[in-house]
Amino acid sequence: MNDQKLENLLNLALDATPEEIERSERLAEGYDRAANTWDLIIKYHGDLTGLEREGVAFTPLVNEYAIVTIDQELIPWLASRVQVEYIEKPKRLSFAVDQGRAASCMNGLSRAPLGLTGKGVLLAIIDSGIDYTHPDFRNADGTTRLLALWDQTIEGTPPADYRIGTEFTREELNQSLRENRVLSRDLSGHGTAVAGIAAGNGRTSNGRYRGVAPESELLVVKLGIPRPDSFPRTTELIQGVDYAVRKALELSMPLVINLSFGNTYGSHDGTSLLETFLDDISGYGRSCMVVGTGNEGEAGGHTGGWLTEGEEKTLELAIGEYETGTNIQLWKSYVDNFSVSLISPEGMTIGPFRENMGSQRYRVEGTEVLVYYGEPSPYSMAQEIYMDLLSMEKYIDSGIWKIRLTPGKIVEGRYDLWLPSKEERNQETYFYRPDPETTLTIPSTAGKVISVGAYDSRLMTYAAFSGRGYTRDGRTVKPDLSAPGVNIMATAPGGGYTPRTGTSFAAPFVSGSAALLMQWGIVDAHDPYLYGAKMKAWLLKGARPLPVVKNYPDPRLGYGEDVIIRLH
């Protein structure tokens, strides 16, 4: 298909054969082969409730976004509806955990000034779930601190207006605690750690490892789908954020949302439907969203540079052995003209690719290359050339691949290439001359969220793994600020603590700080408008520079270290 209402990746997926879909993890995301249906994100206007009469499962979200489940054959019909503005397929999300660090027993959690504890503020942890039996998430009488828990991976009774998972109320959670019966588990421990840093009460450690906002109300969403191969995707994330905002409005409570994950697919300029959804929903109620910038800073997954007329460039990409497949995104300004070719490790040239919208197929040695030459979308002026490398048998060809850029008419000249996140590829797959800048994961590139990088609070320097800014178009400073993210002692399933490293664990420091400020401003009535952009402004004003950096804002640390603002 070549429908400009569909994102490039979805166009390519719909044009791919069933065998190609099966061999490509990125193309297959959102597709149920047995039912021949897709889960999709749409932006629309007007009334689309009649879709259900056509057999389309329609879950409306705030501000005219929706999740639909639709037969593949009906997607062109959906795109033809005048109310539908744009359609994207879901993307897989990766938790921002750095696994390669030595563990130490460092207490990175600080006490709140002025006796603030986050009381009266709703703190939503949208993540891998939570061990709600952990004493740090229970009151002195043993009852739960959770307002509710929506486990999207358990089929049952979802919240009203949603179609997946099971919602457990406070009463149901308390009953399960009395009966020593667990209703939902956090299998990875990621969400439990994030919740503990943001809001754990430290009961297990006698307060030593207390979180930043230990008396905030907790709302937890366990992301995923109710199937054995469940993994978090953007479709489930959007519904989780929508759910949290609606809960806060229903309860008339200020809200902080913590998102400690992301992905590398997109133009990295805040224009995907996920990012525009987060920006739009931030205007509902009294809320703010905090997002980690990911751990791609030193992962070798990004390269970029500038082209000038008459100067050809060749970029080298190492593909490790036993790589079952990978993909390359090339993003450029639409006003620039340059051709793109791919050269295999054996020296065979693919291309130059045809410079017209649509999919192209090439085969070289043991690798099939699917190419989609895109056009700008209604939300972005950037142009994407997407290359999906699929194995003909078991693995794609390893060795040094080359991407050749041959300039024609150049006006701006900037180009950027991204690989999948490091969790999705072999360690030996990376760009030979990587660029650590613009390694923020999406959705930390959304303009209105508070984006958080990581630093090492023992050495008082930035963490090399932390995703760096700015956005691809250079117009938005990201990260906004930074917080401790190396060897943080955090709550673990089973009742204890464990050291964790990554921007996943920097973000909840800032979420907890925002909850304290909301308590002071909104709950205690010192500033009833302390949310949204004003919250970000306060946090940036109170950020403290680290001595390792002289000029701020900085693409590694933003405006500096997060400190809880001294209130008078």
Protein backbone atom coordinates (compact mmCIF):
# COMPACT_ATOMS: atom_id res chain seq x y z
CA MET A 1 0.00 0.00 0.00
CA ASN A 2 1.00 3.64 -0.48
CA ASP A 3 -1.62 5.50 1.54
CA GLN A 4 -0.31 8.75 2.99
CA LYS A 5 -2.78 8.51 5.88
CA LEU A 6 -0.74 5.51 7.05
CA GLU A 7 2.73 5.78 8.56
CA ASN A 8 5.56 4.36 6.47
CA LEU A 9 6.05 1.29 8.63
CA LEU A 10 2.39 0.34 8.40
CA ASN A 11 2.40 0.82 4.62
CA LEU A 12 5.37 -1.51 4.33
CA ALA A 13 3.82 -4.08 6.67
CA LEU A 14 0.62 -4.18 4.62
CA ASP A 15 2.64 -4.63 1.44
CA ALA A 16 4.80 -7.42 2.90
CA THR A 17 4.07 -11.10 2.37
CA PRO A 18 2.97 -13.26 5.32
CA GLU A 19 6.44 -14.86 5.33
CA GLU A 20 8.15 -11.45 5.46
CA ILE A 21 5.89 -10.36 8.30
CA GLU A 22 6.78 -13.51 10.23
CA ARG A 23 10.52 -12.88 9.76
CA SER A 24 10.36 -9.20 10.78
CA GLU A 25 9.65 -8.48 14.44
CA ARG A 26 9.13 -4.76 13.84
CA LEU A 27 6.68 -5.27 10.96
CA ALA A 28 4.78 -7.95 12.89
CA GLU A 29 4.10 -5.80 15.97
CA GLY A 30 0.36 -5.25 16.30
CA TYR A 31 -0.60 -8.06 13.91
CA ASP A 32 -2.57 -11.13 14.99
CA ARG A 33 -1.87 -13.65 12.27
CA ALA A 34 -4.49 -16.16 13.42
CA ALA A 35 -7.27 -13.56 13.26
CA ASN A 36 -5.70 -11.51 10.43
CA THR A 37 -6.32 -8.34 12.47
CA TRP A 38 -4.25 -5.31 13.43
CA ASP A 39 -4.21 -3.19 16.58
CA LEU A 40 -3.73 0.39 15.42
CA ILE A 41 -3.54 3.93 16.81
CA ILE A 42 -5.65 6.51 14.99
CA LYS A 43 -6.09 10.28 15.19
CA TYR A 44 -9.55 11.36 14.07
CA HIS A 45 -12.23 14.02 14.35
CA GLY A 46 -16.00 13.83 14.53
CA ASP A 47 -17.98 10.68 15.25
CA LEU A 48 -16.53 7.23 14.53
CA THR A 49 -18.65 5.16 16.88
CA GLY A 50 -20.31 3.52 13.88
CA LEU A 51 -17.11 1.58 13.21
CA GLU A 52 -18.26 -1.17 15.53
CA ARG A 53 -21.16 -1.95 13.21
CA GLU A 54 -18.52 -2.85 10.61
CA GLY A 55 -16.82 -5.28 12.99
CA VAL A 56 -14.08 -2.86 14.09
CA ALA A 57 -13.28 -2.84 17.82
CA PHE A 58 -13.09 0.88 18.71
CA THR A 59 -11.66 2.22 21.99
CA PRO A 60 -11.95 6.03 22.04
CA LEU A 61 -9.42 8.00 24.08
CA VAL A 62 -9.35 11.65 25.09
CA ASN A 63 -8.94 14.38 22.48
CA GLU A 64 -9.97 12.25 19.48
CA TYR A 65 -7.38 9.50 19.56
CA ALA A 66 -8.42 5.86 19.55
CA ILE A 67 -7.18 2.27 19.50
CA VAL A 68 -8.84 0.07 16.91
CA THR A 69 -8.65 -3.64 16.20
CA ILE A 70 -9.50 -4.19 12.55
CA ASP A 71 -9.34 -6.86 9.84
CA GLN A 72 -6.41 -6.24 7.53
CA GLU A 73 -8.69 -6.02 4.49
CA LEU A 74 -10.63 -3.16 6.10
CA ILE A 75 -7.65 -0.87 6.69
CA PRO A 76 -7.93 0.89 3.28
CA TRP A 77 -11.63 1.46 4.02
CA LEU A 78 -10.75 2.91 7.45
CA ALA A 79 -8.14 5.21 5.91
CA SER A 80 -10.71 6.41 3.36
CA ARG A 81 -13.01 7.73 6.09
CA VAL A 82 -12.84 11.52 6.08
CA GLN A 83 -12.85 11.62 9.90
CA VAL A 84 -9.63 9.58 10.10
CA GLU A 85 -6.58 11.86 10.01
CA TYR A 86 -3.66 9.46 10.53
CA ILE A 87 -2.95 5.82 11.44
CA GLU A 88 0.07 4.21 13.10
CA LYS A 89 0.90 0.66 14.08
CA PRO A 90 2.12 -0.13 17.61
CA LYS A 91 5.80 -0.21 18.55
CA ARG A 92 7.45 -2.45 21.09
CA LEU A 93 8.69 -0.69 24.23
CA SER A 94 11.93 -1.45 26.08
CA PHE A 95 12.49 -0.75 29.74
CA ALA A 96 15.39 1.65 30.30
CA VAL A 97 17.57 -0.70 32.35
CA ASP A 98 21.34 -0.87 32.09
CA GLN A 99 22.42 -4.42 32.93
CA GLY A 100 26.19 -4.10 32.76
CA ARG A 101 26.94 -2.18 35.95
CA ALA A 102 28.48 -3.34 39.22
CA ALA A 103 26.00 -3.23 42.07
CA SER A 104 26.64 -1.30 45.27
CA CYS A 105 24.43 -0.52 48.22
CA MET A 106 23.93 3.16 47.55
CA ASN A 107 20.96 4.92 49.04
CA GLY A 108 20.02 7.53 46.47
CA LEU A 109 16.71 8.47 48.12
CA SER A 110 16.52 11.77 49.95
CA ARG A 111 14.14 13.07 52.56
CA ALA A 112 11.59 15.64 51.52
CA PRO A 113 11.88 19.26 52.64
CA LEU A 114 9.20 20.91 54.74
CA GLY A 115 7.79 17.53 55.73
CA LEU A 116 6.23 16.99 52.31
CA THR A 117 5.35 13.38 51.51
CA GLY A 118 3.19 13.54 48.38
CA LYS A 119 0.01 13.10 50.39
CA GLY A 120 -3.10 13.89 48.37
CA VAL A 121 -1.33 13.41 45.03
CA LEU A 122 -2.02 10.50 42.67
CA LEU A 123 1.18 8.93 41.33
CA ALA A 124 0.64 6.60 38.37
CA ILE A 125 3.27 3.95 37.66
CA ILE A 126 2.68 2.64 34.13
CA ASP A 127 5.17 -0.18 33.84
CA SER A 128 5.67 -3.93 34.33
CA GLY A 129 3.36 -4.11 37.35
CA ILE A 130 4.15 -4.09 41.04
CA ASP A 131 4.62 -6.47 43.93
CA TYR A 132 1.80 -4.89 45.91
CA THR A 133 2.44 -7.32 48.79
CA HIS A 134 5.79 -5.58 49.47
CA PRO A 135 5.62 -3.81 52.89
CA ASP A 136 6.79 -0.54 51.28
CA PHE A 137 3.48 -0.37 49.40
CA ARG A 138 1.34 -1.09 52.46
CA ASN A 139 0.08 1.06 55.30
CA ALA A 140 0.90 0.49 58.98
CA ASP A 141 -2.27 -1.61 59.36
CA GLY A 142 -1.26 -3.85 56.44
CA THR A 143 -3.71 -2.42 53.91
CA THR A 144 -2.63 -1.49 50.42
CA ARG A 145 -1.47 1.96 49.34
CA LEU A 146 -2.75 1.28 45.82
CA LEU A 147 -5.88 3.05 44.70
CA ALA A 148 -6.26 0.49 41.89
CA LEU A 149 -4.21 -1.86 39.71
CA TRP A 150 -5.01 -2.46 36.06
CA ASP A 151 -3.26 -5.61 34.86
CA GLN A 152 -3.57 -5.55 31.08
CA THR A 153 -2.14 -9.08 30.77
CA ILE A 154 -4.92 -10.88 32.68
CA GLU A 155 -8.17 -11.50 30.86
CA GLY A 156 -11.17 -10.62 32.96
CA THR A 157 -12.92 -7.38 33.80
CA PRO A 158 -11.13 -4.34 32.37
CA PRO A 159 -11.86 -0.79 33.51
CA ALA A 160 -14.95 0.79 32.02
CA ASP A 161 -14.46 1.94 28.41
CA TYR A 162 -11.43 -0.32 27.81
CA ARG A 163 -11.18 -3.78 26.27
CA ILE A 164 -8.16 -5.52 27.76
CA GLY A 165 -7.02 -6.86 31.11
CA THR A 166 -8.50 -6.81 34.60
CA GLU A 167 -8.86 -3.91 37.02
CA PHE A 168 -8.38 -4.70 40.70
CA THR A 169 -9.88 -2.19 43.12
CA ARG A 170 -8.41 -1.23 46.48
CA GLU A 171 -11.00 -3.42 48.19
CA GLU A 172 -10.06 -6.44 46.07
CA LEU A 173 -6.36 -5.90 46.70
CA ASN A 174 -6.95 -5.63 50.46
CA GLN A 175 -9.02 -8.79 50.47
CA SER A 176 -6.27 -10.64 48.62
CA LEU A 177 -3.72 -9.43 51.20
CA ARG A 178 -5.89 -10.68 54.05
CA GLU A 179 -6.24 -14.05 52.32
CA ASN A 180 -2.54 -14.21 51.36
CA ARG A 181 -3.56 -14.49 47.71
CA VAL A 182 -1.71 -12.67 44.93
CA LEU A 183 -3.85 -11.28 42.09
CA SER A 184 -1.12 -9.78 39.89
CA ARG A 185 2.66 -10.22 39.76
CA ASP A 186 5.56 -8.14 38.52
CA LEU A 187 7.67 -10.77 36.79
CA SER A 188 10.60 -8.50 35.90
CA GLY A 189 10.67 -6.39 39.05
CA HIS A 190 11.09 -3.24 36.94
CA GLY A 191 7.81 -1.58 37.92
CA THR A 192 8.29 -2.53 41.58
CA ALA A 193 11.68 -0.79 41.60
CA VAL A 194 10.34 2.32 39.86
CA ALA A 195 7.40 2.56 42.27
CA GLY A 196 9.71 2.17 45.27
CA ILE A 197 12.02 5.01 44.20
CA ALA A 198 9.09 7.32 43.50
CA ALA A 199 6.85 6.44 46.41
CA GLY A 200 7.95 3.51 48.60
CA ASN A 201 7.48 4.18 52.32
CA GLY A 202 10.62 2.30 53.41
CA ARG A 203 8.87 0.09 55.97
CA THR A 204 11.11 -2.90 55.19
CA SER A 205 14.30 -0.87 55.75
CA ASN A 206 13.04 1.23 58.67
CA GLY A 207 12.96 4.23 56.37
CA ARG A 208 16.48 3.88 54.95
CA TYR A 209 15.28 3.22 51.41
CA ARG A 210 12.20 5.35 51.53
CA GLY A 211 10.99 6.78 48.23
CA VAL A 212 10.72 10.46 47.39
CA ALA A 213 6.95 10.78 47.92
CA PRO A 214 6.13 8.02 50.44
CA GLU A 215 2.55 9.02 51.15
CA SER A 216 1.30 9.59 47.61
CA GLU A 217 -1.60 7.50 46.38
CA LEU A 218 -0.46 4.84 43.91
CA LEU A 219 -2.23 3.95 40.68
CA VAL A 220 -0.53 1.08 38.82
CA VAL A 221 -0.93 -0.13 35.24
CA LYS A 222 0.80 -3.36 34.24
CA LEU A 223 1.40 -3.06 30.51
CA GLY A 224 1.03 -5.90 28.08
CA ILE A 225 -1.47 -8.04 26.25
CA PRO A 226 -3.33 -11.12 27.54
CA ARG A 227 -1.30 -13.62 25.52
CA PRO A 228 1.73 -15.79 26.36
CA ASP A 229 4.01 -13.58 24.22
CA SER A 230 2.90 -10.47 26.08
CA PHE A 231 5.20 -7.45 25.89
CA PRO A 232 4.50 -3.75 26.30
CA ARG A 233 3.55 -1.81 23.20
CA THR A 234 2.56 1.75 22.47
CA THR A 235 -1.11 0.81 22.04
CA GLU A 236 -1.27 -0.41 25.63
CA LEU A 237 0.77 2.53 26.88
CA ILE A 238 -1.61 5.08 25.38
CA GLN A 239 -4.57 3.37 27.04
CA GLY A 240 -2.71 3.29 30.38
CA VAL A 241 -2.04 7.03 30.25
CA ASP A 242 -5.65 7.73 29.25
CA TYR A 243 -6.85 5.58 32.18
CA ALA A 244 -4.65 7.44 34.69
CA VAL A 245 -5.81 10.87 33.52
CA ARG A 246 -9.47 9.84 33.68
CA LYS A 247 -9.01 8.44 37.21
CA ALA A 248 -7.43 11.67 38.40
CA LEU A 249 -10.25 13.72 36.89
CA GLU A 250 -12.84 11.44 38.49
CA LEU A 251 -11.19 11.86 41.90
CA SER A 252 -10.29 15.55 41.44
CA MET A 253 -6.69 14.76 42.35
CA PRO A 254 -3.44 16.15 40.95
CA LEU A 255 -1.59 13.50 38.95
CA VAL A 256 1.99 12.54 38.17
CA ILE A 257 2.56 9.85 35.53
CA ASN A 258 5.88 7.97 35.41
CA LEU A 259 6.96 6.32 32.12
CA SER A 260 10.30 4.49 32.34
CA PHE A 261 10.61 2.96 28.88
CA GLY A 262 10.77 3.84 25.20
CA ASN A 263 11.81 2.78 21.71
CA THR A 264 14.09 4.05 18.96
CA TYR A 265 11.66 4.03 16.02
CA GLY A 266 10.63 7.44 14.75
CA SER A 267 11.86 10.83 13.66
CA HIS A 268 12.87 11.83 17.20
CA ASP A 269 11.29 15.26 16.87
CA GLY A 270 8.08 14.76 18.85
CA THR A 271 5.74 14.18 15.90
CA SER A 272 4.61 10.53 16.21
CA LEU A 273 1.02 9.88 17.32
CA LEU A 274 2.31 8.59 20.66
CA GLU A 275 4.16 11.84 21.29
CA THR A 276 1.38 14.13 20.10
CA PHE A 277 -1.08 12.12 22.22
CA LEU A 278 1.06 12.68 25.32
CA ASP A 279 1.35 16.38 24.53
CA ASP A 280 -2.39 16.68 23.98
CA ILE A 281 -3.46 14.74 27.06
CA SER A 282 -1.13 16.78 29.26
CA GLY A 283 -3.72 19.55 28.95
CA TYR A 284 -6.36 17.48 30.75
CA GLY A 285 -6.76 17.99 34.47
CA ARG A 286 -3.87 18.90 36.77
CA SER A 287 -1.15 16.55 35.62
CA CYS A 288 2.44 16.16 34.52
CA MET A 289 4.29 13.30 32.82
CA VAL A 290 7.85 12.19 33.51
CA VAL A 291 9.73 10.02 31.00
CA GLY A 292 13.22 8.49 31.08
CA THR A 293 15.47 9.21 28.09
CA GLY A 294 16.56 5.58 27.62
CA ASN A 295 19.96 3.92 27.70
CA GLU A 296 21.11 4.32 24.10
CA GLY A 297 23.83 6.92 24.71
CA GLU A 298 26.80 4.59 24.23
CA ALA A 299 24.98 1.72 22.48
CA GLY A 300 26.20 2.53 18.95
CA GLY A 301 22.68 2.63 17.58
CA HIS A 302 22.73 6.14 16.11
CA THR A 303 24.88 7.95 13.61
CA GLY A 304 24.39 11.19 11.76
CA GLY A 305 26.05 14.08 10.04
CA TRP A 306 25.85 16.66 7.28
CA LEU A 307 25.93 16.26 3.52
CA THR A 308 27.17 18.90 1.14
CA GLU A 309 26.85 18.94 -2.63
CA GLY A 310 29.63 17.02 -4.35
CA GLU A 311 30.69 15.10 -1.23
CA GLU A 312 29.56 11.45 -1.10
CA LYS A 313 29.51 9.75 2.30
CA THR A 314 29.80 6.07 3.17
CA LEU A 315 28.64 4.91 6.61
CA GLU A 316 29.76 1.57 8.01
CA LEU A 317 27.47 -0.75 9.97
CA ALA A 318 28.74 -3.86 11.71
CA ILE A 319 26.27 -6.78 11.71
CA GLY A 320 27.15 -9.40 14.30
CA GLU A 321 27.02 -13.13 13.75
CA TYR A 322 23.74 -14.93 14.44
CA GLU A 323 21.66 -11.79 13.87
CA THR A 324 18.24 -13.00 12.75
CA GLY A 325 17.33 -9.61 11.35
CA THR A 326 17.60 -5.88 11.94
CA ASN A 327 16.45 -2.60 10.47
CA ILE A 328 17.81 0.84 9.69
CA GLN A 329 15.90 4.11 9.71
CA LEU A 330 17.31 7.04 7.76
CA TRP A 331 15.65 10.40 8.41
CA LYS A 332 16.37 13.52 6.37
CA SER A 333 14.86 16.83 5.36
CA TYR A 334 12.43 16.47 2.47
CA VAL A 335 13.94 19.50 0.76
CA ASP A 336 17.27 17.67 0.34
CA ASN A 337 17.84 15.32 -2.58
CA PHE A 338 20.34 12.49 -2.21
CA SER A 339 20.36 8.88 -3.28
CA VAL A 340 20.82 5.94 -0.92
CA SER A 341 22.55 2.63 -1.66
CA LEU A 342 23.34 -0.37 0.53
CA ILE A 343 26.51 -2.42 0.05
CA SER A 344 26.72 -5.97 1.45
CA PRO A 345 29.79 -7.40 3.24
CA GLU A 346 30.65 -9.22 -0.02
CA GLY A 347 30.67 -5.94 -1.94
CA MET A 348 27.34 -6.27 -3.76
CA THR A 349 25.52 -2.96 -4.20
CA ILE A 350 21.78 -2.62 -3.63
CA GLY A 351 20.34 0.50 -5.17
CA PRO A 352 20.38 3.42 -5.46
CA PHE A 353 16.85 3.05 -4.12
CA ARG A 354 14.06 4.43 -6.25
CA GLU A 355 13.07 7.86 -4.93
CA ASN A 356 9.33 7.35 -5.07
CA MET A 357 6.92 6.51 -2.30
CA GLY A 358 6.41 2.80 -1.85
CA SER A 359 8.07 -0.50 -1.00
CA GLN A 360 11.04 -2.05 -2.79
CA ARG A 361 12.60 -5.53 -2.49
CA TYR A 362 16.19 -6.65 -2.99
CA ARG A 363 18.03 -9.90 -2.36
CA VAL A 364 21.75 -10.28 -1.78
CA GLU A 365 23.46 -13.46 -0.55
CA GLY A 366 21.47 -14.70 2.48
CA THR A 367 19.61 -11.46 3.14
CA GLU A 368 16.40 -9.95 1.80
CA VAL A 369 16.15 -6.17 2.07
CA LEU A 370 12.76 -4.48 2.23
CA VAL A 371 12.91 -0.74 1.60
CA TYR A 372 10.19 1.85 2.07
CA TYR A 373 10.84 5.29 0.61
CA GLY A 374 8.51 7.54 2.55
CA GLU A 375 7.00 10.98 2.23
CA PRO A 376 6.43 13.63 4.92
CA SER A 377 3.32 13.10 7.04
CA PRO A 378 0.71 15.66 8.12
CA TYR A 379 2.58 15.80 11.43
CA SER A 380 6.22 15.90 10.29
CA MET A 381 8.23 17.49 7.47
CA ALA A 382 10.90 14.80 7.78
CA GLN A 383 11.38 12.08 5.19
CA GLU A 384 12.18 8.48 6.12
CA ILE A 385 13.93 5.77 4.14
CA TYR A 386 13.35 2.52 6.04
CA MET A 387 15.45 -0.62 5.43
CA ASP A 388 14.44 -3.97 6.95
CA LEU A 389 17.08 -6.72 6.69
CA LEU A 390 15.47 -10.18 6.80
CA SER A 391 17.18 -13.57 6.82
CA MET A 392 16.61 -15.83 3.82
CA GLU A 393 17.27 -18.88 5.97
CA LYS A 394 18.30 -18.41 9.60
CA TYR A 395 20.56 -15.37 9.93
CA ILE A 396 21.28 -12.25 7.90
CA ASP A 397 24.79 -11.80 6.45
CA SER A 398 27.25 -10.71 9.12
CA GLY A 399 30.19 -8.38 8.56
CA ILE A 400 30.52 -4.75 7.50
CA TRP A 401 27.57 -3.33 5.60
CA LYS A 402 27.85 0.13 4.07
CA ILE A 403 25.23 2.81 3.52
CA ARG A 404 26.25 5.16 0.72
CA LEU A 405 24.73 8.65 0.53
CA THR A 406 25.22 10.46 -2.78
CA PRO A 407 24.13 14.11 -2.65
CA GLY A 408 22.18 15.92 -5.34
CA LYS A 409 20.63 19.25 -4.45
CA ILE A 410 21.31 19.93 -0.76
CA VAL A 411 19.55 22.72 1.15
CA GLU A 412 19.87 21.66 4.80
CA GLY A 413 22.04 18.54 4.62
CA ARG A 414 21.34 16.89 7.98
CA TYR A 415 20.82 13.12 8.10
CA ASP A 416 20.28 10.71 11.01
CA LEU A 417 20.17 6.91 11.15
CA TRP A 418 18.93 4.72 14.00
CA LEU A 419 19.05 0.98 14.68
CA PRO A 420 16.66 -0.89 16.97
CA SER A 421 17.34 -0.45 20.69
CA LYS A 422 20.25 -2.40 22.12
CA GLU A 423 17.89 -4.92 23.75
CA GLU A 424 16.66 -5.89 20.27
CA ARG A 425 20.02 -6.54 18.58
CA ASN A 426 23.30 -8.34 19.13
CA GLN A 427 26.06 -6.51 20.96
CA GLU A 428 28.19 -6.84 17.79
CA THR A 429 25.62 -4.94 15.72
CA TYR A 430 26.39 -1.19 15.76
CA PHE A 431 27.50 1.77 13.67
CA TYR A 432 31.29 2.00 13.29
CA ARG A 433 31.28 5.74 13.87
CA PRO A 434 28.33 6.22 16.22
CA ASP A 435 27.03 9.58 17.32
CA PRO A 436 25.96 9.58 21.00
CA GLU A 437 23.92 12.75 20.49
CA THR A 438 20.20 12.47 19.66
CA THR A 439 19.97 9.06 21.32
CA LEU A 440 16.84 9.91 23.32
CA THR A 441 14.25 7.16 23.13
CA ILE A 442 10.65 7.90 22.18
CA PRO A 443 8.45 9.18 23.90
CA SER A 444 10.99 11.23 25.89
CA THR A 445 11.19 13.41 22.75
CA ALA A 446 7.60 14.62 23.26
CA GLY A 447 7.65 18.37 23.85
CA LYS A 448 5.46 18.65 26.96
CA VAL A 449 6.71 15.68 28.96
CA ILE A 450 9.49 16.10 31.54
CA SER A 451 12.38 14.10 30.08
CA VAL A 452 14.94 12.75 32.56
CA GLY A 453 18.51 11.63 31.94
CA ALA A 454 20.73 9.78 34.41
CA TYR A 455 23.89 10.77 36.25
CA ASP A 456 26.18 8.99 38.70
CA SER A 457 25.62 10.61 42.10
CA ARG A 458 28.78 9.05 43.58
CA LEU A 459 31.09 10.48 40.91
CA MET A 460 28.90 13.54 40.21
CA THR A 461 29.15 13.04 36.47
CA TYR A 462 26.76 12.12 33.68
CA ALA A 463 26.09 8.43 33.01
CA ALA A 464 27.53 7.45 29.63
CA PHE A 465 24.63 5.10 28.88
CA SER A 466 21.98 7.78 29.33
CA GLY A 467 20.11 8.87 26.19
CA ARG A 468 21.26 12.30 25.02
CA GLY A 469 19.60 15.23 23.28
CA TYR A 470 18.62 17.31 21.64
CA THR A 471 15.69 16.35 19.43
CA ARG A 472 16.50 15.61 15.79
CA ASP A 473 15.29 19.00 14.58
CA GLY A 474 17.32 20.76 17.27
CA ARG A 475 14.37 22.86 18.36
CA THR A 476 13.67 21.27 21.74
CA VAL A 477 16.10 20.93 24.66
CA LYS A 478 16.06 17.35 25.89
CA PRO A 479 16.63 15.95 28.44
CA ASP A 480 14.98 18.57 30.61
CA LEU A 481 17.02 17.59 33.66
CA SER A 482 18.76 14.60 35.23
CA ALA A 483 18.58 12.49 38.37
CA PRO A 484 20.60 9.68 40.01
CA GLY A 485 20.49 6.54 37.87
CA VAL A 486 23.49 4.40 38.86
CA ASN A 487 23.28 1.73 41.58
CA ILE A 488 20.05 2.91 43.16
CA MET A 489 18.73 0.69 45.94
CA ALA A 490 15.13 -0.02 45.04
CA THR A 491 12.28 -2.26 46.13
CA ALA A 492 12.33 -5.79 44.72
CA PRO A 493 9.62 -8.44 44.41
CA GLY A 494 9.59 -10.62 47.49
CA GLY A 495 10.02 -7.89 50.07
CA GLY A 496 13.63 -6.70 49.88
CA TYR A 497 15.75 -4.29 47.86
CA THR A 498 18.20 -4.55 45.00
CA PRO A 499 20.49 -2.06 43.24
CA ARG A 500 19.28 -0.92 39.83
CA THR A 501 20.88 1.19 37.09
CA GLY A 502 19.36 3.03 34.13
CA THR A 503 17.28 6.05 33.26
CA SER A 504 14.29 3.92 34.29
CA PHE A 505 15.36 4.61 37.85
CA ALA A 506 16.26 8.28 37.35
CA ALA A 507 12.77 9.20 36.12
CA PRO A 508 10.95 8.24 39.37
CA PHE A 509 13.15 10.63 41.38
CA VAL A 510 11.66 13.44 39.33
CA SER A 511 8.16 11.95 39.52
CA GLY A 512 8.44 11.90 43.29
CA SER A 513 9.74 15.48 43.31
CA ALA A 514 6.77 16.57 41.19
CA ALA A 515 4.39 14.88 43.64
CA LEU A 516 5.95 16.82 46.54
CA LEU A 517 5.60 20.10 44.67
CA MET A 518 1.98 19.30 43.80
CA GLN A 519 1.25 18.62 47.44
CA TRP A 520 2.72 21.97 48.45
CA GLY A 521 1.14 23.89 45.59
CA ILE A 522 -2.22 22.23 44.94
CA VAL A 523 -3.14 20.16 48.01
CA ASP A 524 -1.80 22.68 50.54
CA ALA A 525 -3.10 25.60 48.41
CA HIS A 526 0.14 27.56 48.02
CA ASP A 527 -0.09 27.50 44.20
CA PRO A 528 -3.17 25.85 42.65
CA TYR A 529 -1.63 26.03 39.13
CA LEU A 530 1.53 24.03 39.85
CA TYR A 531 1.17 21.41 37.10
CA GLY A 532 1.84 20.98 33.38
CA ALA A 533 4.30 23.46 31.89
CA LYS A 534 4.56 25.37 35.17
CA MET A 535 5.75 22.21 36.93
CA LYS A 536 8.47 21.74 34.31
CA ALA A 537 9.51 25.39 34.67
CA TRP A 538 9.85 25.05 38.45
CA LEU A 539 11.91 21.88 38.15
CA LEU A 540 14.23 23.47 35.59
CA LYS A 541 14.64 26.60 37.67
CA GLY A 542 15.63 24.49 40.67
CA ALA A 543 18.01 22.21 38.74
CA ARG A 544 21.60 22.31 39.99
CA PRO A 545 24.57 22.14 37.59
CA LEU A 546 27.13 19.37 37.96
CA PRO A 547 30.78 20.48 37.98
CA VAL A 548 31.62 18.23 35.01
CA VAL A 549 29.62 20.49 32.66
CA LYS A 550 30.19 24.22 32.28
CA ASN A 551 27.41 25.34 29.94
CA TYR A 552 23.71 24.61 30.43
CA PRO A 553 21.39 23.39 29.04
CA ASP A 554 23.49 20.38 28.07
CA PRO A 555 22.47 17.49 25.75
CA ARG A 556 23.62 15.00 28.40
CA LEU A 557 22.11 16.53 31.56
CA GLY A 558 19.58 19.09 30.35
CA TYR A 559 19.36 21.96 32.82
CA GLY A 560 21.20 20.00 35.50
CA GLU A 561 20.56 17.79 38.49
CA ASP A 562 17.05 17.52 39.91
CA VAL A 563 16.85 18.93 43.41
CA ILE A 564 13.65 19.43 45.34
CA ILE A 565 13.05 23.18 45.18
CA ARG A 566 13.31 24.98 48.49
CA LEU A 567 9.87 26.39 49.17
CA HIS A 568 9.22 29.42 51.35
